[in-house]
Amino acid sequence: MLLGTNPAEQRSTSRMRFTVTAVAAFGTAIQVIVWLLMAIFGTHLDGPWWLWTPASALAINAALLGLDHVRRHWASTSVRTETAQESL
């Protein structure tokens, strides 16, 4: 097993990426609303602190997409290796 996945069951991480994106979008929307309410009521704004949520979601999605590419590459490499060994 590679990276905790069963090689016989090659599934995409798209469902995980969708979930991360949906949670981050919801969290960011709430944080932007709070940030704007703070601006309306005169509270001092320290900066767009809500940007940490979409930035971390982007990093997680990039890592999951990279994992998909690595798994796809290793799966195609192992198929080619098995085919080459069978032909000998």
N, C-alpha and C. Protein backbone atom coordinates (compact mmCIF):
# COMPACT_ATOMS: atom_id res chain seq x y z
N MET A 1 0.83 -1.18 0.00
CA MET A 1 0.00 0.00 0.00
C MET A 1 0.88 1.24 0.00
N LEU A 2 0.52 2.17 -0.84
CA LEU A 2 1.30 3.39 -1.01
C LEU A 2 0.52 4.57 -0.47
N LEU A 3 1.10 5.30 0.44
CA LEU A 3 0.48 6.49 1.01
C LEU A 3 -0.88 6.20 1.62
N GLY A 4 -1.04 5.00 2.17
CA GLY A 4 -2.29 4.65 2.84
C GLY A 4 -3.43 4.34 1.89
N THR A 5 -3.14 4.10 0.64
CA THR A 5 -4.20 3.77 -0.31
C THR A 5 -4.01 2.37 -0.83
N ASN A 6 -5.08 1.73 -1.14
CA ASN A 6 -5.03 0.39 -1.70
C ASN A 6 -4.77 0.51 -3.21
N PRO A 7 -3.68 -0.05 -3.72
CA PRO A 7 -3.38 0.12 -5.14
C PRO A 7 -4.41 -0.54 -6.06
N ALA A 8 -5.14 -1.52 -5.54
CA ALA A 8 -6.17 -2.16 -6.36
C ALA A 8 -7.37 -1.24 -6.55
N GLU A 9 -7.51 -0.28 -5.66
CA GLU A 9 -8.65 0.63 -5.72
C GLU A 9 -8.14 2.05 -5.94
N GLN A 10 -7.91 2.42 -7.18
CA GLN A 10 -7.40 3.75 -7.51
C GLN A 10 -8.58 4.70 -7.65
N ARG A 11 -8.81 5.49 -6.61
CA ARG A 11 -9.88 6.47 -6.65
C ARG A 11 -9.30 7.87 -6.61
N SER A 12 -9.96 8.75 -7.25
CA SER A 12 -9.53 10.14 -7.28
C SER A 12 -9.83 10.80 -5.94
N THR A 13 -9.09 11.85 -5.66
CA THR A 13 -9.34 12.60 -4.42
C THR A 13 -10.29 13.76 -4.68
N SER A 14 -11.06 13.72 -5.78
CA SER A 14 -11.94 14.84 -6.09
C SER A 14 -13.00 15.08 -5.03
N ARG A 15 -13.51 14.03 -4.41
CA ARG A 15 -14.52 14.23 -3.38
C ARG A 15 -13.91 14.96 -2.18
N MET A 16 -12.69 14.57 -1.81
CA MET A 16 -12.01 15.26 -0.70
C MET A 16 -11.72 16.71 -1.07
N ARG A 17 -11.27 16.95 -2.31
CA ARG A 17 -10.99 18.32 -2.74
C ARG A 17 -12.26 19.16 -2.74
N PHE A 18 -13.38 18.58 -3.18
CA PHE A 18 -14.65 19.30 -3.17
C PHE A 18 -15.06 19.66 -1.74
N THR A 19 -14.90 18.70 -0.82
CA THR A 19 -15.27 18.94 0.57
C THR A 19 -14.42 20.04 1.18
N VAL A 20 -13.11 19.99 0.94
CA VAL A 20 -12.21 21.03 1.47
C VAL A 20 -12.59 22.39 0.91
N THR A 21 -12.88 22.43 -0.38
CA THR A 21 -13.25 23.69 -1.02
C THR A 21 -14.57 24.23 -0.49
N ALA A 22 -15.56 23.36 -0.31
CA ALA A 22 -16.87 23.79 0.19
C ALA A 22 -16.76 24.32 1.62
N VAL A 23 -16.03 23.60 2.47
CA VAL A 23 -15.87 24.05 3.86
C VAL A 23 -15.11 25.38 3.90
N ALA A 24 -14.07 25.49 3.09
CA ALA A 24 -13.29 26.73 3.07
C ALA A 24 -14.13 27.90 2.53
N ALA A 25 -14.94 27.64 1.50
CA ALA A 25 -15.79 28.71 0.96
C ALA A 25 -16.81 29.18 2.00
N PHE A 26 -17.40 28.24 2.71
CA PHE A 26 -18.37 28.61 3.74
C PHE A 26 -17.69 29.38 4.87
N GLY A 27 -16.56 28.87 5.32
CA GLY A 27 -15.82 29.54 6.39
C GLY A 27 -15.36 30.93 5.99
N THR A 28 -14.89 31.05 4.75
CA THR A 28 -14.42 32.35 4.27
C THR A 28 -15.58 33.34 4.15
N ALA A 29 -16.73 32.87 3.69
CA ALA A 29 -17.89 33.75 3.58
C ALA A 29 -18.30 34.29 4.95
N ILE A 30 -18.31 33.43 5.95
CA ILE A 30 -18.66 33.87 7.30
C ILE A 30 -17.61 34.88 7.81
N GLN A 31 -16.34 34.58 7.58
CA GLN A 31 -15.28 35.46 8.06
C GLN A 31 -15.31 36.82 7.35
N VAL A 32 -15.62 36.84 6.07
CA VAL A 32 -15.70 38.11 5.34
C VAL A 32 -16.88 38.94 5.88
N ILE A 33 -18.00 38.28 6.16
CA ILE A 33 -19.14 38.99 6.72
C ILE A 33 -18.78 39.61 8.08
N VAL A 34 -18.12 38.83 8.93
CA VAL A 34 -17.69 39.35 10.24
C VAL A 34 -16.71 40.50 10.05
N TRP A 35 -15.78 40.35 9.11
CA TRP A 35 -14.78 41.39 8.86
C TRP A 35 -15.46 42.68 8.40
N LEU A 36 -16.45 42.55 7.49
CA LEU A 36 -17.17 43.74 7.01
C LEU A 36 -18.02 44.37 8.12
N LEU A 37 -18.62 43.54 8.97
CA LEU A 37 -19.38 44.09 10.10
C LEU A 37 -18.46 44.83 11.06
N MET A 38 -17.27 44.32 11.25
CA MET A 38 -16.29 45.02 12.08
C MET A 38 -15.95 46.37 11.47
N ALA A 39 -15.86 46.45 10.15
CA ALA A 39 -15.56 47.71 9.48
C ALA A 39 -16.73 48.69 9.61
N ILE A 40 -17.94 48.16 9.51
CA ILE A 40 -19.12 49.02 9.61
C ILE A 40 -19.24 49.63 11.01
N PHE A 41 -19.00 48.83 12.03
CA PHE A 41 -19.18 49.30 13.40
C PHE A 41 -17.94 49.94 13.99
N GLY A 42 -16.94 50.20 13.16
CA GLY A 42 -15.81 50.99 13.58
C GLY A 42 -14.73 50.28 14.36
N THR A 43 -14.75 48.99 14.42
CA THR A 43 -13.69 48.25 15.10
C THR A 43 -12.43 48.31 14.24
N HIS A 44 -11.31 48.39 14.88
CA HIS A 44 -10.05 48.46 14.15
C HIS A 44 -9.80 47.15 13.40
N LEU A 45 -9.51 47.26 12.12
CA LEU A 45 -9.23 46.06 11.31
C LEU A 45 -7.72 45.85 11.25
N ASP A 46 -7.29 44.68 11.63
CA ASP A 46 -5.86 44.36 11.62
C ASP A 46 -5.39 43.91 10.25
N GLY A 47 -6.26 43.79 9.33
CA GLY A 47 -5.92 43.30 8.00
C GLY A 47 -6.87 42.17 7.62
N PRO A 48 -6.73 41.71 6.43
CA PRO A 48 -7.63 40.63 5.97
C PRO A 48 -7.22 39.26 6.53
N TRP A 49 -7.43 39.04 7.83
CA TRP A 49 -7.06 37.79 8.47
C TRP A 49 -7.83 36.61 7.92
N TRP A 50 -8.99 36.86 7.30
CA TRP A 50 -9.81 35.80 6.75
C TRP A 50 -9.15 35.13 5.54
N LEU A 51 -8.08 35.74 5.00
CA LEU A 51 -7.40 35.13 3.85
C LEU A 51 -6.66 33.84 4.20
N TRP A 52 -6.43 33.59 5.49
CA TRP A 52 -5.75 32.35 5.88
C TRP A 52 -6.57 31.12 5.50
N THR A 53 -7.89 31.22 5.57
CA THR A 53 -8.74 30.06 5.25
C THR A 53 -8.65 29.67 3.78
N PRO A 54 -8.87 30.58 2.81
CA PRO A 54 -8.75 30.14 1.42
C PRO A 54 -7.31 29.78 1.04
N ALA A 55 -6.33 30.43 1.67
CA ALA A 55 -4.93 30.08 1.35
C ALA A 55 -4.60 28.67 1.81
N SER A 56 -5.07 28.29 3.00
CA SER A 56 -4.81 26.93 3.46
C SER A 56 -5.59 25.91 2.65
N ALA A 57 -6.82 26.26 2.24
CA ALA A 57 -7.60 25.35 1.39
C ALA A 57 -6.92 25.16 0.04
N LEU A 58 -6.33 26.23 -0.49
CA LEU A 58 -5.60 26.12 -1.75
C LEU A 58 -4.40 25.19 -1.60
N ALA A 59 -3.69 25.30 -0.49
CA ALA A 59 -2.54 24.43 -0.25
C ALA A 59 -2.97 22.96 -0.12
N ILE A 60 -4.07 22.73 0.59
CA ILE A 60 -4.57 21.35 0.75
C ILE A 60 -5.01 20.79 -0.59
N ASN A 61 -5.74 21.59 -1.37
CA ASN A 61 -6.18 21.13 -2.69
C ASN A 61 -5.00 20.85 -3.61
N ALA A 62 -3.98 21.68 -3.55
CA ALA A 62 -2.79 21.45 -4.38
C ALA A 62 -2.09 20.15 -3.97
N ALA A 63 -2.01 19.89 -2.67
CA ALA A 63 -1.40 18.65 -2.20
C ALA A 63 -2.21 17.43 -2.64
N LEU A 64 -3.53 17.51 -2.56
CA LEU A 64 -4.37 16.38 -2.98
C LEU A 64 -4.28 16.17 -4.49
N LEU A 65 -4.22 17.25 -5.25
CA LEU A 65 -4.08 17.12 -6.70
C LEU A 65 -2.73 16.52 -7.05
N GLY A 66 -1.68 16.94 -6.34
CA GLY A 66 -0.37 16.34 -6.54
C GLY A 66 -0.38 14.86 -6.21
N LEU A 67 -1.09 14.48 -5.13
CA LEU A 67 -1.22 13.07 -4.77
C LEU A 67 -1.90 12.29 -5.89
N ASP A 68 -2.94 12.86 -6.48
CA ASP A 68 -3.60 12.20 -7.62
C ASP A 68 -2.63 11.97 -8.78
N HIS A 69 -1.84 12.99 -9.10
CA HIS A 69 -0.89 12.86 -10.21
C HIS A 69 0.17 11.82 -9.92
N VAL A 70 0.68 11.80 -8.69
CA VAL A 70 1.71 10.81 -8.31
C VAL A 70 1.13 9.41 -8.37
N ARG A 71 -0.06 9.22 -7.82
CA ARG A 71 -0.68 7.89 -7.85
C ARG A 71 -0.95 7.43 -9.27
N ARG A 72 -1.41 8.35 -10.13
CA ARG A 72 -1.68 8.00 -11.53
C ARG A 72 -0.38 7.61 -12.24
N HIS A 73 0.69 8.36 -11.97
CA HIS A 73 1.98 8.07 -12.59
C HIS A 73 2.51 6.71 -12.13
N TRP A 74 2.46 6.46 -10.81
CA TRP A 74 2.95 5.19 -10.29
C TRP A 74 2.12 4.02 -10.78
N ALA A 75 0.80 4.22 -10.92
CA ALA A 75 -0.06 3.15 -11.41
C ALA A 75 0.27 2.82 -12.86
N SER A 76 0.49 3.85 -13.68
CA SER A 76 0.82 3.58 -15.09
C SER A 76 2.22 3.00 -15.22
N THR A 77 3.14 3.38 -14.35
CA THR A 77 4.49 2.83 -14.39
C THR A 77 4.48 1.35 -14.00
N SER A 78 3.69 0.99 -12.98
CA SER A 78 3.65 -0.41 -12.56
C SER A 78 3.00 -1.27 -13.62
N VAL A 79 2.01 -0.75 -14.35
CA VAL A 79 1.38 -1.52 -15.42
C VAL A 79 2.39 -1.76 -16.54
N ARG A 80 3.17 -0.73 -16.88
CA ARG A 80 4.18 -0.89 -17.93
C ARG A 80 5.26 -1.87 -17.49
N THR A 81 5.64 -1.84 -16.23
CA THR A 81 6.67 -2.75 -15.73
C THR A 81 6.17 -4.19 -15.76
N GLU A 82 4.92 -4.42 -15.34
CA GLU A 82 4.36 -5.76 -15.35
C GLU A 82 4.26 -6.28 -16.78
N THR A 83 3.88 -5.42 -17.72
CA THR A 83 3.77 -5.83 -19.12
C THR A 83 5.14 -6.19 -19.67
N ALA A 84 6.14 -5.42 -19.32
CA ALA A 84 7.50 -5.69 -19.81
C ALA A 84 8.02 -7.00 -19.22
N GLN A 85 7.72 -7.30 -17.97
CA GLN A 85 8.19 -8.53 -17.34
C GLN A 85 7.47 -9.74 -17.93
N GLU A 86 6.20 -9.60 -18.29
CA GLU A 86 5.46 -10.71 -18.89
C GLU A 86 5.98 -11.03 -20.27
N SER A 87 6.46 -10.04 -20.99
CA SER A 87 6.93 -10.29 -22.36
C SER A 87 8.27 -11.02 -22.39
N LEU A 88 8.99 -11.02 -21.27
CA LEU A 88 10.26 -11.71 -21.22
C LEU A 88 10.00 -13.15 -21.12
